[in-house]
Protein backbone atom coordinates (compact mmCIF):
# COMPACT_ATOMS: atom_id res chain seq x y z
CA UNK A 1 -5.17 -87.62 4.71
CA UNK A 2 -3.93 -86.26 8.05
CA UNK A 3 -0.82 -84.12 8.12
CA UNK A 4 -0.07 -85.51 11.59
CA UNK A 5 -1.03 -89.19 12.02
CA UNK A 6 -1.05 -88.80 15.81
CA UNK A 7 -4.12 -86.55 15.46
CA UNK A 8 -6.25 -89.49 14.34
CA UNK A 9 -8.70 -90.26 17.16
CA UNK A 10 -8.25 -93.97 17.71
CA UNK A 11 -8.15 -94.30 21.51
CA UNK A 12 -11.40 -95.10 23.33
CA UNK A 13 -12.35 -94.79 26.98
CA UNK A 14 -15.43 -96.06 28.78
CA UNK A 15 -17.60 -93.60 30.66
CA UNK A 16 -20.70 -94.68 32.57
CA UNK A 17 -23.38 -92.14 33.47
CA UNK A 18 -26.59 -92.46 35.42
CA UNK A 19 -29.90 -91.33 33.94
CA UNK A 20 -29.64 -87.80 35.39
CA UNK A 21 -26.07 -87.27 34.18
CA UNK A 22 -26.99 -88.60 30.74
CA UNK A 23 -29.97 -86.27 30.52
CA UNK A 24 -27.77 -83.31 31.43
CA UNK A 25 -25.15 -84.19 28.83
CA UNK A 26 -27.79 -84.80 26.16
CA UNK A 27 -29.45 -81.47 26.95
CA UNK A 28 -26.10 -79.69 26.64
CA UNK A 29 -25.35 -81.50 23.37
CA UNK A 30 -28.79 -80.57 21.98
CA UNK A 31 -28.32 -76.95 23.05
CA UNK A 32 -24.87 -76.78 21.43
CA UNK A 33 -25.95 -78.73 18.36
CA UNK A 34 -23.05 -81.17 18.80
CA UNK A 35 -22.89 -84.93 19.29
CA UNK A 36 -22.69 -86.14 22.89
CA UNK A 37 -19.23 -87.63 22.29
CA UNK A 38 -17.91 -84.25 21.11
CA UNK A 39 -19.29 -82.50 24.19
CA UNK A 40 -17.78 -85.10 26.52
CA UNK A 41 -14.39 -84.92 24.79
CA UNK A 42 -14.38 -81.11 25.02
CA UNK A 43 -15.35 -81.19 28.70
CA UNK A 44 -12.74 -83.83 29.56
CA UNK A 45 -9.93 -82.02 27.74
CA UNK A 46 -10.89 -78.64 29.20
CA UNK A 47 -10.90 -80.09 32.72
CA UNK A 48 -7.58 -81.87 32.16
CA UNK A 49 -5.96 -78.67 30.91
CA UNK A 50 -7.33 -76.73 33.88
CA UNK A 51 -6.00 -79.30 36.34
CA UNK A 52 -2.57 -79.34 34.74
CA UNK A 53 -2.26 -75.56 34.69
CA UNK A 54 -3.78 -74.85 38.11
CA UNK A 55 -1.46 -76.21 40.79
CA UNK A 56 1.53 -78.42 40.07
CA UNK A 57 1.36 -79.83 43.62
CA UNK A 58 -2.28 -80.92 43.23
CA UNK A 59 -2.88 -84.51 42.24
CA UNK A 60 -5.90 -85.90 40.47
CA UNK A 61 -5.49 -89.25 42.21
CA UNK A 62 -5.56 -87.62 45.64
CA UNK A 63 -8.70 -85.72 44.75
CA UNK A 64 -7.33 -82.38 45.90
CA UNK A 65 -8.76 -79.27 44.24
């Protein structure tokens, strides 16, 4: 079915949001016409790519921009 079996999305991660964050994400998902999970995955991957390409000396764990 998949040409690359590593592309199958089988890994899960827990994300907890408060009511305001959830409302914001749901509003964005409604506006885009996408499921909330798709929006969150896109945002997470976009941010990860930006962090990796921005500054090799910056560390996510240190919280430096």
